[in-house]
Amino acid sequence: MIVYAFDVDETLEVSGGPIPMARLRDLSADGHVVGLCGNWAVVVARVSDWQSFINFLGPMSMSKAEFLRQIMAYIPAEAYVMVGNILGVSGASDDQGSAKSAGWSFMSETEFAARRNL
């Protein structure tokens, strides 16, 4: 099992990004843990069945890096992957930096969208 944390803005299709929600549904159906680490309010407002495939929402009132550290501390998994933006390249948030700080692997939204075997 892999834990995936997705940024929302400029990452997911519901907020200007290249990744359709169907990809998150597929990961969940395959037994992975799928969560949001970003503007989760957009997803809960626009995706009526979000609760059927999203396992966690955040980061609430902490940094993304601290939120990712908390997830890693309490959800055992084979791997942890943050999918999101590279600051100044593909979006306004430093998801790559947050992932690195928290000890997570990172994949840009464009890289994830281009892969079909996840």
PDB file of N, CA and C in Angstrom:
ATOM      1  N   MET A   1       0.834  -1.181   0.000  1.00  0.00           N
ATOM      2  CA  MET A   1       0.000   0.000   0.000  1.00  0.00           C
ATOM      3  C   MET A   1       0.883   1.249   0.000  1.00  0.00           C
ATOM      4  N   ILE A   2       0.495   2.209  -0.808  1.00  0.00           N
ATOM      5  CA  ILE A   2       1.181   3.497  -0.885  1.00  0.00           C
ATOM      6  C   ILE A   2       0.222   4.582  -0.405  1.00  0.00           C
ATOM      7  N   VAL A   3       0.755   5.551   0.312  1.00  0.00           N
ATOM      8  CA  VAL A   3      -0.028   6.718   0.711  1.00  0.00           C
ATOM      9  C   VAL A   3       0.287   7.834  -0.280  1.00  0.00           C
ATOM     10  N   TYR A   4      -0.759   8.348  -0.918  1.00  0.00           N
ATOM     11  CA  TYR A   4      -0.637   9.463  -1.855  1.00  0.00           C
ATOM     12  C   TYR A   4      -1.294  10.691  -1.246  1.00  0.00           C
ATOM     13  N   ALA A   5      -0.577  11.811  -1.258  1.00  0.00           N
ATOM     14  CA  ALA A   5      -1.129  13.095  -0.829  1.00  0.00           C
ATOM     15  C   ALA A   5      -1.109  14.017  -2.052  1.00  0.00           C
ATOM     16  N   PHE A   6      -2.263  14.512  -2.443  1.00  0.00           N
ATOM     17  CA  PHE A   6      -2.380  15.370  -3.614  1.00  0.00           C
ATOM     18  C   PHE A   6      -2.614  16.816  -3.211  1.00  0.00           C
ATOM     19  N   ASP A   7      -1.815  17.704  -3.787  1.00  0.00           N
ATOM     20  CA  ASP A   7      -2.143  19.111  -3.735  1.00  0.00           C
ATOM     21  C   ASP A   7      -3.417  19.274  -4.575  1.00  0.00           C
ATOM     22  N   VAL A   8      -4.094  20.383  -4.484  1.00  0.00           N
ATOM     23  CA  VAL A   8      -5.341  20.585  -5.223  1.00  0.00           C
ATOM     24  C   VAL A   8      -5.178  21.635  -6.321  1.00  0.00           C
ATOM     25  N   ASP A   9      -4.894  22.877  -5.940  1.00  0.00           N
ATOM     26  CA  ASP A   9      -4.804  23.963  -6.929  1.00  0.00           C
ATOM     27  C   ASP A   9      -3.674  23.699  -7.917  1.00  0.00           C
ATOM     28  N   GLU A  10      -4.003  23.777  -9.185  1.00  0.00           N
ATOM     29  CA  GLU A  10      -3.063  23.570 -10.283  1.00  0.00           C
ATOM     30  C   GLU A  10      -2.515  22.144 -10.333  1.00  0.00           C
ATOM     31  N   THR A  11      -3.141  21.235  -9.590  1.00  0.00           N
ATOM     32  CA  THR A  11      -2.761  19.822  -9.598  1.00  0.00           C
ATOM     33  C   THR A  11      -3.927  18.957 -10.056  1.00  0.00           C
ATOM     34  N   LEU A  12      -5.072  19.110  -9.400  1.00  0.00           N
ATOM     35  CA  LEU A  12      -6.254  18.324  -9.751  1.00  0.00           C
ATOM     36  C   LEU A  12      -7.111  19.077 -10.763  1.00  0.00           C
ATOM     37  N   GLU A  13      -7.762  18.330 -11.620  1.00  0.00           N
ATOM     38  CA  GLU A  13      -8.585  18.900 -12.687  1.00  0.00           C
ATOM     39  C   GLU A  13      -9.675  19.837 -12.165  1.00  0.00           C
ATOM     40  N   VAL A  14     -10.197  19.573 -10.986  1.00  0.00           N
ATOM     41  CA  VAL A  14     -11.258  20.416 -10.414  1.00  0.00           C
ATOM     42  C   VAL A  14     -10.761  21.802 -10.024  1.00  0.00           C
ATOM     43  N   SER A  15      -9.430  21.995 -10.080  1.00  0.00           N
ATOM     44  CA  SER A  15      -8.861  23.289  -9.716  1.00  0.00           C
ATOM     45  C   SER A  15      -7.706  23.682 -10.644  1.00  0.00           C
ATOM     46  N   GLY A  16      -7.917  23.500 -11.946  1.00  0.00           N
ATOM     47  CA  GLY A  16      -6.966  23.973 -12.941  1.00  0.00           C
ATOM     48  C   GLY A  16      -5.767  23.098 -13.208  1.00  0.00           C
ATOM     49  N   GLY A  17      -5.768  21.872 -12.714  1.00  0.00           N
ATOM     50  CA  GLY A  17      -4.631  20.973 -12.926  1.00  0.00           C
ATOM     51  C   GLY A  17      -4.927  19.873 -13.922  1.00  0.00           C
ATOM     52  N   PRO A  18      -3.918  19.062 -14.239  1.00  0.00           N
ATOM     53  CA  PRO A  18      -4.069  18.021 -15.260  1.00  0.00           C
ATOM     54  C   PRO A  18      -4.571  16.659 -14.774  1.00  0.00           C
ATOM     55  N   ILE A  19      -4.741  16.474 -13.462  1.00  0.00           N
ATOM     56  CA  ILE A  19      -5.078  15.142 -12.945  1.00  0.00           C
ATOM     57  C   ILE A  19      -6.580  15.018 -12.699  1.00  0.00           C
ATOM     58  N   PRO A  20      -7.245  14.119 -13.450  1.00  0.00           N
ATOM     59  CA  PRO A  20      -8.682  13.918 -13.228  1.00  0.00           C
ATOM     60  C   PRO A  20      -8.947  13.177 -11.913  1.00  0.00           C
ATOM     61  N   MET A  21     -10.072  13.441 -11.316  1.00  0.00           N
ATOM     62  CA  MET A  21     -10.444  12.778 -10.058  1.00  0.00           C
ATOM     63  C   MET A  21     -10.549  11.268 -10.245  1.00  0.00           C
ATOM     64  N   ALA A  22     -10.813  10.823 -11.458  1.00  0.00           N
ATOM     65  CA  ALA A  22     -10.895   9.378 -11.730  1.00  0.00           C
ATOM     66  C   ALA A  22      -9.594   8.669 -11.364  1.00  0.00           C
ATOM     67  N   ARG A  23      -8.462   9.352 -11.513  1.00  0.00           N
ATOM     68  CA  ARG A  23      -7.173   8.738 -11.150  1.00  0.00           C
ATOM     69  C   ARG A  23      -7.092   8.494  -9.647  1.00  0.00           C
ATOM     70  N   LEU A  24      -7.616   9.413  -8.842  1.00  0.00           N
ATOM     71  CA  LEU A  24      -7.626   9.225  -7.394  1.00  0.00           C
ATOM     72  C   LEU A  24      -8.568   8.089  -7.016  1.00  0.00           C
ATOM     73  N   ARG A  25      -9.714   8.031  -7.679  1.00  0.00           N
ATOM     74  CA  ARG A  25     -10.655   6.932  -7.436  1.00  0.00           C
ATOM     75  C   ARG A  25      -9.998   5.584  -7.725  1.00  0.00           C
ATOM     76  N   ASP A  26      -9.245   5.517  -8.843  1.00  0.00           N
ATOM     77  CA  ASP A  26      -8.568   4.273  -9.221  1.00  0.00           C
ATOM     78  C   ASP A  26      -7.533   3.857  -8.183  1.00  0.00           C
ATOM     79  N   LEU A  27      -6.744   4.814  -7.691  1.00  0.00           N
ATOM     80  CA  LEU A  27      -5.758   4.492  -6.657  1.00  0.00           C
ATOM     81  C   LEU A  27      -6.428   3.937  -5.411  1.00  0.00           C
ATOM     82  N   SER A  28      -7.514   4.564  -5.007  1.00  0.00           N
ATOM     83  CA  SER A  28      -8.255   4.095  -3.840  1.00  0.00           C
ATOM     84  C   SER A  28      -8.812   2.691  -4.069  1.00  0.00           C
ATOM     85  N   ALA A  29      -9.374   2.462  -5.236  1.00  0.00           N
ATOM     86  CA  ALA A  29      -9.933   1.140  -5.573  1.00  0.00           C
ATOM     87  C   ALA A  29      -8.848   0.057  -5.584  1.00  0.00           C
ATOM     88  N   ASP A  30      -7.611   0.455  -5.883  1.00  0.00           N
ATOM     89  CA  ASP A  30      -6.489  -0.484  -5.890  1.00  0.00           C
ATOM     90  C   ASP A  30      -5.914  -0.719  -4.491  1.00  0.00           C
ATOM     91  N   GLY A  31      -6.495  -0.107  -3.468  1.00  0.00           N
ATOM     92  CA  GLY A  31      -6.083  -0.354  -2.094  1.00  0.00           C
ATOM     93  C   GLY A  31      -5.092   0.629  -1.506  1.00  0.00           C
ATOM     94  N   HIS A  32      -4.833   1.719  -2.204  1.00  0.00           N
ATOM     95  CA  HIS A  32      -3.917   2.729  -1.694  1.00  0.00           C
ATOM     96  C   HIS A  32      -4.677   3.747  -0.837  1.00  0.00           C
ATOM     97  N   VAL A  33      -3.953   4.462  -0.010  1.00  0.00           N
ATOM     98  CA  VAL A  33      -4.521   5.536   0.791  1.00  0.00           C
ATOM     99  C   VAL A  33      -4.364   6.821  -0.017  1.00  0.00           C
ATOM    100  N   VAL A  34      -5.461   7.540  -0.194  1.00  0.00           N
ATOM    101  CA  VAL A  34      -5.467   8.743  -1.021  1.00  0.00           C
ATOM    102  C   VAL A  34      -5.967   9.913  -0.188  1.00  0.00           C
ATOM    103  N   GLY A  35      -5.186  10.990  -0.186  1.00  0.00           N
ATOM    104  CA  GLY A  35      -5.596  12.151   0.581  1.00  0.00           C
ATOM    105  C   GLY A  35      -5.267  13.449  -0.110  1.00  0.00           C
ATOM    106  N   LEU A  36      -5.729  14.527   0.505  1.00  0.00           N
ATOM    107  CA  LEU A  36      -5.511  15.871  -0.028  1.00  0.00           C
ATOM    108  C   LEU A  36      -4.632  16.653   0.919  1.00  0.00           C
ATOM    109  N   CYS A  37      -3.638  17.317   0.349  1.00  0.00           N
ATOM    110  CA  CYS A  37      -2.730  18.154   1.121  1.00  0.00           C
ATOM    111  C   CYS A  37      -2.659  19.489   0.390  1.00  0.00           C
ATOM    112  N   GLY A  38      -3.712  20.251   0.534  1.00  0.00           N
ATOM    113  CA  GLY A  38      -3.832  21.516  -0.177  1.00  0.00           C
ATOM    114  C   GLY A  38      -5.233  22.058   0.002  1.00  0.00           C
ATOM    115  N   ASN A  39      -5.719  22.741  -0.991  1.00  0.00           N
ATOM    116  CA  ASN A  39      -7.018  23.412  -0.928  1.00  0.00           C
ATOM    117  C   ASN A  39      -8.175  22.402  -1.012  1.00  0.00           C
ATOM    118  N   TRP A  40      -8.308  21.583   0.012  1.00  0.00           N
ATOM    119  CA  TRP A  40      -9.292  20.499   0.030  1.00  0.00           C
ATOM    120  C   TRP A  40     -10.731  21.007  -0.055  1.00  0.00           C
ATOM    121  N   ALA A  41     -10.974  22.241   0.341  1.00  0.00           N
ATOM    122  CA  ALA A  41     -12.334  22.788   0.306  1.00  0.00           C
ATOM    123  C   ALA A  41     -12.890  22.812  -1.115  1.00  0.00           C
ATOM    124  N   VAL A  42     -12.025  22.985  -2.113  1.00  0.00           N
ATOM    125  CA  VAL A  42     -12.466  22.953  -3.512  1.00  0.00           C
ATOM    126  C   VAL A  42     -13.023  21.575  -3.858  1.00  0.00           C
ATOM    127  N   VAL A  43     -12.334  20.536  -3.433  1.00  0.00           N
ATOM    128  CA  VAL A  43     -12.766  19.170  -3.754  1.00  0.00           C
ATOM    129  C   VAL A  43     -14.078  18.836  -3.061  1.00  0.00           C
ATOM    130  N   VAL A  44     -14.196  19.120  -1.783  1.00  0.00           N
ATOM    131  CA  VAL A  44     -15.430  18.758  -1.087  1.00  0.00           C
ATOM    132  C   VAL A  44     -16.628  19.556  -1.596  1.00  0.00           C
ATOM    133  N   ALA A  45     -16.382  20.735  -2.150  1.00  0.00           N
ATOM    134  CA  ALA A  45     -17.468  21.547  -2.703  1.00  0.00           C
ATOM    135  C   ALA A  45     -17.877  21.100  -4.110  1.00  0.00           C
ATOM    136  N   ARG A  46     -16.940  20.539  -4.871  1.00  0.00           N
ATOM    137  CA  ARG A  46     -17.205  20.238  -6.283  1.00  0.00           C
ATOM    138  C   ARG A  46     -17.332  18.765  -6.631  1.00  0.00           C
ATOM    139  N   VAL A  47     -16.905  17.881  -5.742  1.00  0.00           N
ATOM    140  CA  VAL A  47     -16.923  16.444  -6.033  1.00  0.00           C
ATOM    141  C   VAL A  47     -17.869  15.775  -5.035  1.00  0.00           C
ATOM    142  N   SER A  48     -19.045  15.407  -5.504  1.00  0.00           N
ATOM    143  CA  SER A  48     -20.096  14.946  -4.589  1.00  0.00           C
ATOM    144  C   SER A  48     -19.761  13.650  -3.854  1.00  0.00           C
ATOM    145  N   ASP A  49     -18.957  12.784  -4.432  1.00  0.00           N
ATOM    146  CA  ASP A  49     -18.646  11.501  -3.787  1.00  0.00           C
ATOM    147  C   ASP A  49     -17.235  11.460  -3.205  1.00  0.00           C
ATOM    148  N   TRP A  50     -16.664  12.606  -2.897  1.00  0.00           N
ATOM    149  CA  TRP A  50     -15.273  12.660  -2.433  1.00  0.00           C
ATOM    150  C   TRP A  50     -15.014  11.725  -1.256  1.00  0.00           C
ATOM    151  N   GLN A  51     -15.971  11.606  -0.354  1.00  0.00           N
ATOM    152  CA  GLN A  51     -15.774  10.804   0.858  1.00  0.00           C
ATOM    153  C   GLN A  51     -15.659   9.307   0.575  1.00  0.00           C
ATOM    154  N   SER A  52     -16.002   8.874  -0.633  1.00  0.00           N
ATOM    155  CA  SER A  52     -15.902   7.451  -0.955  1.00  0.00           C
ATOM    156  C   SER A  52     -14.503   7.032  -1.401  1.00  0.00           C
ATOM    157  N   PHE A  53     -13.608   7.985  -1.666  1.00  0.00           N
ATOM    158  CA  PHE A  53     -12.265   7.612  -2.108  1.00  0.00           C
ATOM    159  C   PHE A  53     -11.149   8.491  -1.528  1.00  0.00           C
ATOM    160  N   ILE A  54     -11.490   9.517  -0.778  1.00  0.00           N
ATOM    161  CA  ILE A  54     -10.495  10.368  -0.132  1.00  0.00           C
ATOM    162  C   ILE A  54     -10.405   9.966   1.336  1.00  0.00           C
ATOM    163  N   ASN A  55      -9.200   9.633   1.793  1.00  0.00           N
ATOM    164  CA  ASN A  55      -9.010   9.141   3.153  1.00  0.00           C
ATOM    165  C   ASN A  55      -8.604  10.207   4.166  1.00  0.00           C
ATOM    166  N   PHE A  56      -8.020  11.304   3.705  1.00  0.00           N
ATOM    167  CA  PHE A  56      -7.662  12.374   4.633  1.00  0.00           C
ATOM    168  C   PHE A  56      -7.664  13.720   3.923  1.00  0.00           C
ATOM    169  N   LEU A  57      -7.905  14.769   4.719  1.00  0.00           N
ATOM    170  CA  LEU A  57      -7.947  16.152   4.245  1.00  0.00           C
ATOM    171  C   LEU A  57      -7.005  16.981   5.095  1.00  0.00           C
ATOM    172  N   GLY A  58      -6.275  17.863   4.459  1.00  0.00           N
ATOM    173  CA  GLY A  58      -5.421  18.743   5.236  1.00  0.00           C
ATOM    174  C   GLY A  58      -4.710  19.719   4.322  1.00  0.00           C
ATOM    175  N   PRO A  59      -3.921  20.569   4.902  1.00  0.00           N
ATOM    176  CA  PRO A  59      -3.284  20.492   6.200  1.00  0.00           C
ATOM    177  C   PRO A  59      -3.961  21.258   7.329  1.00  0.00           C
ATOM    178  N   MET A  60      -5.109  21.823   7.149  1.00  0.00           N
ATOM    179  CA  MET A  60      -5.787  22.595   8.192  1.00  0.00           C
ATOM    180  C   MET A  60      -4.875  23.725   8.667  1.00  0.00           C
ATOM    181  N   SER A  61      -4.552  23.786   9.955  1.00  0.00           N
ATOM    182  CA  SER A  61      -3.791  24.934  10.460  1.00  0.00           C
ATOM    183  C   SER A  61      -2.343  24.561  10.803  1.00  0.00           C
ATOM    184  N   MET A  62      -1.715  23.809   9.913  1.00  0.00           N
ATOM    185  CA  MET A  62      -0.284  23.511  10.064  1.00  0.00           C
ATOM    186  C   MET A  62       0.342  23.545   8.676  1.00  0.00           C
ATOM    187  N   SER A  63       1.635  23.539   8.612  1.00  0.00           N
ATOM    188  CA  SER A  63       2.304  23.551   7.313  1.00  0.00           C
ATOM    189  C   SER A  63       2.089  22.218   6.601  1.00  0.00           C
ATOM    190  N   LYS A  64       2.251  22.249   5.289  1.00  0.00           N
ATOM    191  CA  LYS A  64       2.134  20.996   4.531  1.00  0.00           C
ATOM    192  C   LYS A  64       3.175  19.983   4.989  1.00  0.00           C
ATOM    193  N   ALA A  65       4.397  20.435   5.221  1.00  0.00           N
ATOM    194  CA  ALA A  65       5.450  19.515   5.650  1.00  0.00           C
ATOM    195  C   ALA A  65       5.099  18.853   6.983  1.00  0.00           C
ATOM    196  N   GLU A  66       4.600  19.618   7.933  1.00  0.00           N
ATOM    197  CA  GLU A  66       4.222  19.040   9.225  1.00  0.00           C
ATOM    198  C   GLU A  66       3.043  18.084   9.065  1.00  0.00           C
ATOM    199  N   PHE A  67       2.086  18.436   8.233  1.00  0.00           N
ATOM    200  CA  PHE A  67       0.948  17.549   7.980  1.00  0.00           C
ATOM    201  C   PHE A  67       1.432  16.222   7.400  1.00  0.00           C
ATOM    202  N   LEU A  68       2.336  16.279   6.432  1.00  0.00           N
ATOM    203  CA  LEU A  68       2.868  15.052   5.829  1.00  0.00           C
ATOM    204  C   LEU A  68       3.627  14.217   6.856  1.00  0.00           C
ATOM    205  N   ARG A  69       4.380  14.878   7.735  1.00  0.00           N
ATOM    206  CA  ARG A  69       5.076  14.135   8.799  1.00  0.00           C
ATOM    207  C   ARG A  69       4.088  13.414   9.715  1.00  0.00           C
ATOM    208  N   GLN A  70       2.972  14.070  10.028  1.00  0.00           N
ATOM    209  CA  GLN A  70       1.947  13.446  10.879  1.00  0.00           C
ATOM    210  C   GLN A  70       1.332  12.224  10.197  1.00  0.00           C
ATOM    211  N   ILE A  71       1.035  12.362   8.918  1.00  0.00           N
ATOM    212  CA  ILE A  71       0.475  11.220   8.168  1.00  0.00           C
ATOM    213  C   ILE A  71       1.464  10.058   8.190  1.00  0.00           C
ATOM    214  N   MET A  72       2.726  10.342   7.915  1.00  0.00           N
ATOM    215  CA  MET A  72       3.749   9.290   7.892  1.00  0.00           C
ATOM    216  C   MET A  72       3.902   8.629   9.261  1.00  0.00           C
ATOM    217  N   ALA A  73       3.763   9.400  10.315  1.00  0.00           N
ATOM    218  CA  ALA A  73       3.930   8.858  11.672  1.00  0.00           C
ATOM    219  C   ALA A  73       2.818   7.894  12.055  1.00  0.00           C
ATOM    220  N   TYR A  74       1.619   8.089  11.522  1.00  0.00           N
ATOM    221  CA  TYR A  74       0.478   7.320  11.997  1.00  0.00           C
ATOM    222  C   TYR A  74      -0.169   6.387  10.979  1.00  0.00           C
ATOM    223  N   ILE A  75       0.240   6.466   9.718  1.00  0.00           N
ATOM    224  CA  ILE A  75      -0.298   5.542   8.704  1.00  0.00           C
ATOM    225  C   ILE A  75       0.871   4.744   8.136  1.00  0.00           C
ATOM    226  N   PRO A  76       1.041   3.502   8.588  1.00  0.00           N
ATOM    227  CA  PRO A  76       2.134   2.693   8.056  1.00  0.00           C
ATOM    228  C   PRO A  76       1.878   2.335   6.592  1.00  0.00           C
ATOM    229  N   ALA A  77       2.927   2.427   5.772  1.00  0.00           N
ATOM    230  CA  ALA A  77       2.795   2.134   4.347  1.00  0.00           C
ATOM    231  C   ALA A  77       4.146   1.752   3.766  1.00  0.00           C
ATOM    232  N   GLU A  78       4.117   1.210   2.560  1.00  0.00           N
ATOM    233  CA  GLU A  78       5.351   0.872   1.842  1.00  0.00           C
ATOM    234  C   GLU A  78       6.062   2.136   1.363  1.00  0.00           C
ATOM    235  N   ALA A  79       5.291   3.141   0.974  1.00  0.00           N
ATOM    236  CA  ALA A  79       5.861   4.373   0.431  1.00  0.00           C
ATOM    237  C   ALA A  79       4.878   5.519   0.636  1.00  0.00           C
ATOM    238  N   TYR A  80       5.424   6.734   0.581  1.00  0.00           N
ATOM    239  CA  TYR A  80       4.649   7.965   0.742  1.00  0.00           C
ATOM    240  C   TYR A  80       4.992   8.885  -0.422  1.00  0.00           C
ATOM    241  N   VAL A  81       3.970   9.316  -1.168  1.00  0.00           N
ATOM    242  CA  VAL A  81       4.201  10.126  -2.368  1.00  0.00           C
ATOM    243  C   VAL A  81       3.327  11.371  -2.332  1.00  0.00           C
ATOM    244  N   MET A  82       3.972  12.524  -2.406  1.00  0.00           N
ATOM    245  CA  MET A  82       3.270  13.801  -2.545  1.00  0.00           C
ATOM    246  C   MET A  82       3.227  14.133  -4.024  1.00  0.00           C
ATOM    247  N   VAL A  83       2.034  14.455  -4.527  1.00  0.00           N
ATOM    248  CA  VAL A  83       1.859  14.849  -5.927  1.00  0.00           C
ATOM    249  C   VAL A  83       1.410  16.302  -5.931  1.00  0.00           C
ATOM    250  N   GLY A  84       2.186  17.148  -6.598  1.00  0.00           N
ATOM    251  CA  GLY A  84       1.824  18.559  -6.597  1.00  0.00           C
ATOM    252  C   GLY A  84       2.744  19.407  -7.440  1.00  0.00           C
ATOM    253  N   ASN A  85       2.885  20.645  -7.021  1.00  0.00           N
ATOM    254  CA  ASN A  85       3.581  21.665  -7.809  1.00  0.00           C
ATOM    255  C   ASN A  85       5.045  21.819  -7.427  1.00  0.00           C
ATOM    256  N   ILE A  86       5.791  22.304  -8.407  1.00  0.00           N
ATOM    257  CA  ILE A  86       7.167  22.736  -8.187  1.00  0.00           C
ATOM    258  C   ILE A  86       7.115  24.262  -8.220  1.00  0.00           C
ATOM    259  N   LEU A  87       7.432  24.874  -7.111  1.00  0.00           N
ATOM    260  CA  LEU A  87       7.327  26.324  -6.975  1.00  0.00           C
ATOM    261  C   LEU A  87       8.060  27.043  -8.109  1.00  0.00           C
ATOM    262  N   GLY A  88       7.357  27.958  -8.758  1.00  0.00           N
ATOM    263  CA  GLY A  88       7.937  28.733  -9.834  1.00  0.00           C
ATOM    264  C   GLY A  88       7.987  28.030 -11.173  1.00  0.00           C
ATOM    265  N   VAL A  89       7.633  26.760 -11.193  1.00  0.00           N
ATOM    266  CA  VAL A  89       7.641  25.993 -12.442  1.00  0.00           C
ATOM    267  C   VAL A  89       6.220  25.638 -12.850  1.00  0.00           C
ATOM    268  N   SER A  90       5.478  25.062 -11.916  1.00  0.00           N
ATOM    269  CA  SER A  90       4.147  24.575 -12.278  1.00  0.00           C
ATOM    270  C   SER A  90       3.048  25.025 -11.334  1.00  0.00           C
ATOM    271  N   GLY A  91       3.349  25.883 -10.410  1.00  0.00           N
ATOM    272  CA  GLY A  91       2.306  26.330  -9.497  1.00  0.00           C
ATOM    273  C   GLY A  91       2.837  27.270  -8.439  1.00  0.00           C
ATOM    274  N   ALA A  92       1.913  27.691  -7.588  1.00  0.00           N
ATOM    275  CA  ALA A  92       2.240  28.695  -6.581  1.00  0.00           C
ATOM    276  C   ALA A  92       2.667  28.095  -5.246  1.00  0.00           C
ATOM    277  N   SER A  93       2.550  26.784  -5.086  1.00  0.00           N
ATOM    278  CA  SER A  93       2.934  26.185  -3.805  1.00  0.00           C
ATOM    279  C   SER A  93       4.201  25.352  -3.972  1.00  0.00           C
ATOM    280  N   ASP A  94       4.983  25.276  -2.900  1.00  0.00           N
ATOM    281  CA  ASP A  94       6.232  24.513  -2.916  1.00  0.00           C
ATOM    282  C   ASP A  94       5.982  23.107  -2.391  1.00  0.00           C
ATOM    283  N   ASP A  95       5.213  22.343  -3.136  1.00  0.00           N
ATOM    284  CA  ASP A  95       4.907  20.974  -2.720  1.00  0.00           C
ATOM    285  C   ASP A  95       6.148  20.087  -2.745  1.00  0.00           C
ATOM    286  N   GLN A  96       7.012  20.324  -3.694  1.00  0.00           N
ATOM    287  CA  GLN A  96       8.256  19.562  -3.773  1.00  0.00           C
ATOM    288  C   GLN A  96       9.089  19.786  -2.504  1.00  0.00           C
ATOM    289  N   GLY A  97       9.200  21.030  -2.068  1.00  0.00           N
ATOM    290  CA  GLY A  97       9.943  21.343  -0.851  1.00  0.00           C
ATOM    291  C   GLY A  97       9.305  20.754   0.391  1.00  0.00           C
ATOM    292  N   SER A  98       7.975  20.799   0.449  1.00  0.00           N
ATOM    293  CA  SER A  98       7.261  20.215   1.596  1.00  0.00           C
ATOM    294  C   SER A  98       7.490  18.716   1.671  1.00  0.00           C
ATOM    295  N   ALA A  99       7.417  18.045   0.524  1.00  0.00           N
ATOM    296  CA  ALA A  99       7.635  16.593   0.489  1.00  0.00           C
ATOM    297  C   ALA A  99       9.051  16.255   0.953  1.00  0.00           C
ATOM    298  N   LYS A 100      10.019  16.974   0.426  1.00  0.00           N
ATOM    299  CA  LYS A 100      11.417  16.717   0.794  1.00  0.00           C
ATOM    300  C   LYS A 100      11.625  16.931   2.290  1.00  0.00           C
ATOM    301  N   SER A 101      11.086  18.011   2.828  1.00  0.00           N
ATOM    302  CA  SER A 101      11.223  18.308   4.247  1.00  0.00           C
ATOM    303  C   SER A 101      10.605  17.229   5.126  1.00  0.00           C
ATOM    304  N   ALA A 102       9.519  16.618   4.644  1.00  0.00           N
ATOM    305  CA  ALA A 102       8.809  15.602   5.432  1.00  0.00           C
ATOM    306  C   ALA A 102       9.332  14.183   5.202  1.00  0.00           C
ATOM    307  N   GLY A 103      10.255  14.015   4.265  1.00  0.00           N
ATOM    308  CA  GLY A 103      10.783  12.680   3.991  1.00  0.00           C
ATOM    309  C   GLY A 103       9.935  11.869   3.028  1.00  0.00           C
ATOM    310  N   TRP A 104       9.082  12.542   2.267  1.00  0.00           N
ATOM    311  CA  TRP A 104       8.229  11.874   1.279  1.00  0.00           C
ATOM    312  C   TRP A 104       8.865  11.935  -0.098  1.00  0.00           C
ATOM    313  N   SER A 105       8.504  10.999  -0.961  1.00  0.00           N
ATOM    314  CA  SER A 105       8.837  11.089  -2.378  1.00  0.00           C
ATOM    315  C   SER A 105       7.949  12.164  -2.988  1.00  0.00           C
ATOM    316  N   PHE A 106       8.372  12.695  -4.121  1.00  0.00           N
ATOM    317  CA  PHE A 106       7.598  13.740  -4.785  1.00  0.00           C
ATOM    318  C   PHE A 106       7.449  13.415  -6.259  1.00  0.00           C
ATOM    319  N   MET A 107       6.261  13.735  -6.790  1.00  0.00           N
ATOM    320  CA  MET A 107       6.004  13.623  -8.214  1.00  0.00           C
ATOM    321  C   MET A 107       5.230  14.865  -8.631  1.00  0.00           C
ATOM    322  N   SER A 108       5.682  15.532  -9.687  1.00  0.00           N
ATOM    323  CA  SER A 108       4.955  16.715 -10.145  1.00  0.00           C
ATOM    324  C   SER A 108       3.620  16.302 -10.740  1.00  0.00           C
ATOM    325  N   GLU A 109       2.695  17.247 -10.772  1.00  0.00           N
ATOM    326  CA  GLU A 109       1.370  16.966 -11.315  1.00  0.00           C
ATOM    327  C   GLU A 109       1.446  16.556 -12.782  1.00  0.00           C
ATOM    328  N   THR A 110       2.345  17.146 -13.540  1.00  0.00           N
ATOM    329  CA  THR A 110       2.458  16.787 -14.961  1.00  0.00           C
ATOM    330  C   THR A 110       3.049  15.398 -15.132  1.00  0.00           C
ATOM    331  N   GLU A 111       4.018  15.046 -14.302  1.00  0.00           N
ATOM    332  CA  GLU A 111       4.603  13.702 -14.350  1.00  0.00           C
ATOM    333  C   GLU A 111       3.553  12.653 -13.990  1.00  0.00           C
ATOM    334  N   PHE A 112       2.799  12.902 -12.925  1.00  0.00           N
ATOM    335  CA  PHE A 112       1.765  11.949 -12.513  1.00  0.00           C
ATOM    336  C   PHE A 112       0.700  11.808 -13.605  1.00  0.00           C
ATOM    337  N   ALA A 113       0.257  12.922 -14.169  1.00  0.00           N
ATOM    338  CA  ALA A 113      -0.779  12.889 -15.207  1.00  0.00           C
ATOM    339  C   ALA A 113      -0.327  12.124 -16.438  1.00  0.00           C
ATOM    340  N   ALA A 114       0.969  12.172 -16.747  1.00  0.00           N
ATOM    341  CA  ALA A 114       1.495  11.490 -17.924  1.00  0.00           C
ATOM    342  C   ALA A 114       1.661   9.985 -17.717  1.00  0.00           C
ATOM    343  N   ARG A 115       1.785   9.556 -16.471  1.00  0.00           N
ATOM    344  CA  ARG A 115       1.959   8.125 -16.185  1.00  0.00           C
ATOM    345  C   ARG A 115       0.621   7.410 -16.188  1.00  0.00           C
ATOM    346  N   ARG A 116       0.604   6.270 -16.769  1.00  0.00           N
ATOM    347  CA  ARG A 116      -0.635   5.475 -16.823  1.00  0.00           C
ATOM    348  C   ARG A 116      -0.588   4.236 -15.949  1.00  0.00           C
ATOM    349  N   ASN A 117       0.594   3.927 -15.432  1.00  0.00           N
ATOM    350  CA  ASN A 117       0.760   2.668 -14.687  1.00  0.00           C
ATOM    351  C   ASN A 117       0.769   2.848 -13.180  1.00  0.00           C
ATOM    352  N   LEU A 118       0.156   3.890 -12.679  1.00  0.00           N
ATOM    353  CA  LEU A 118       0.094   4.085 -11.222  1.00  0.00           C
ATOM    354  C   LEU A 118      -1.252   3.653 -10.697  1.00  0.00           C
TER     355      LEU A 118
END
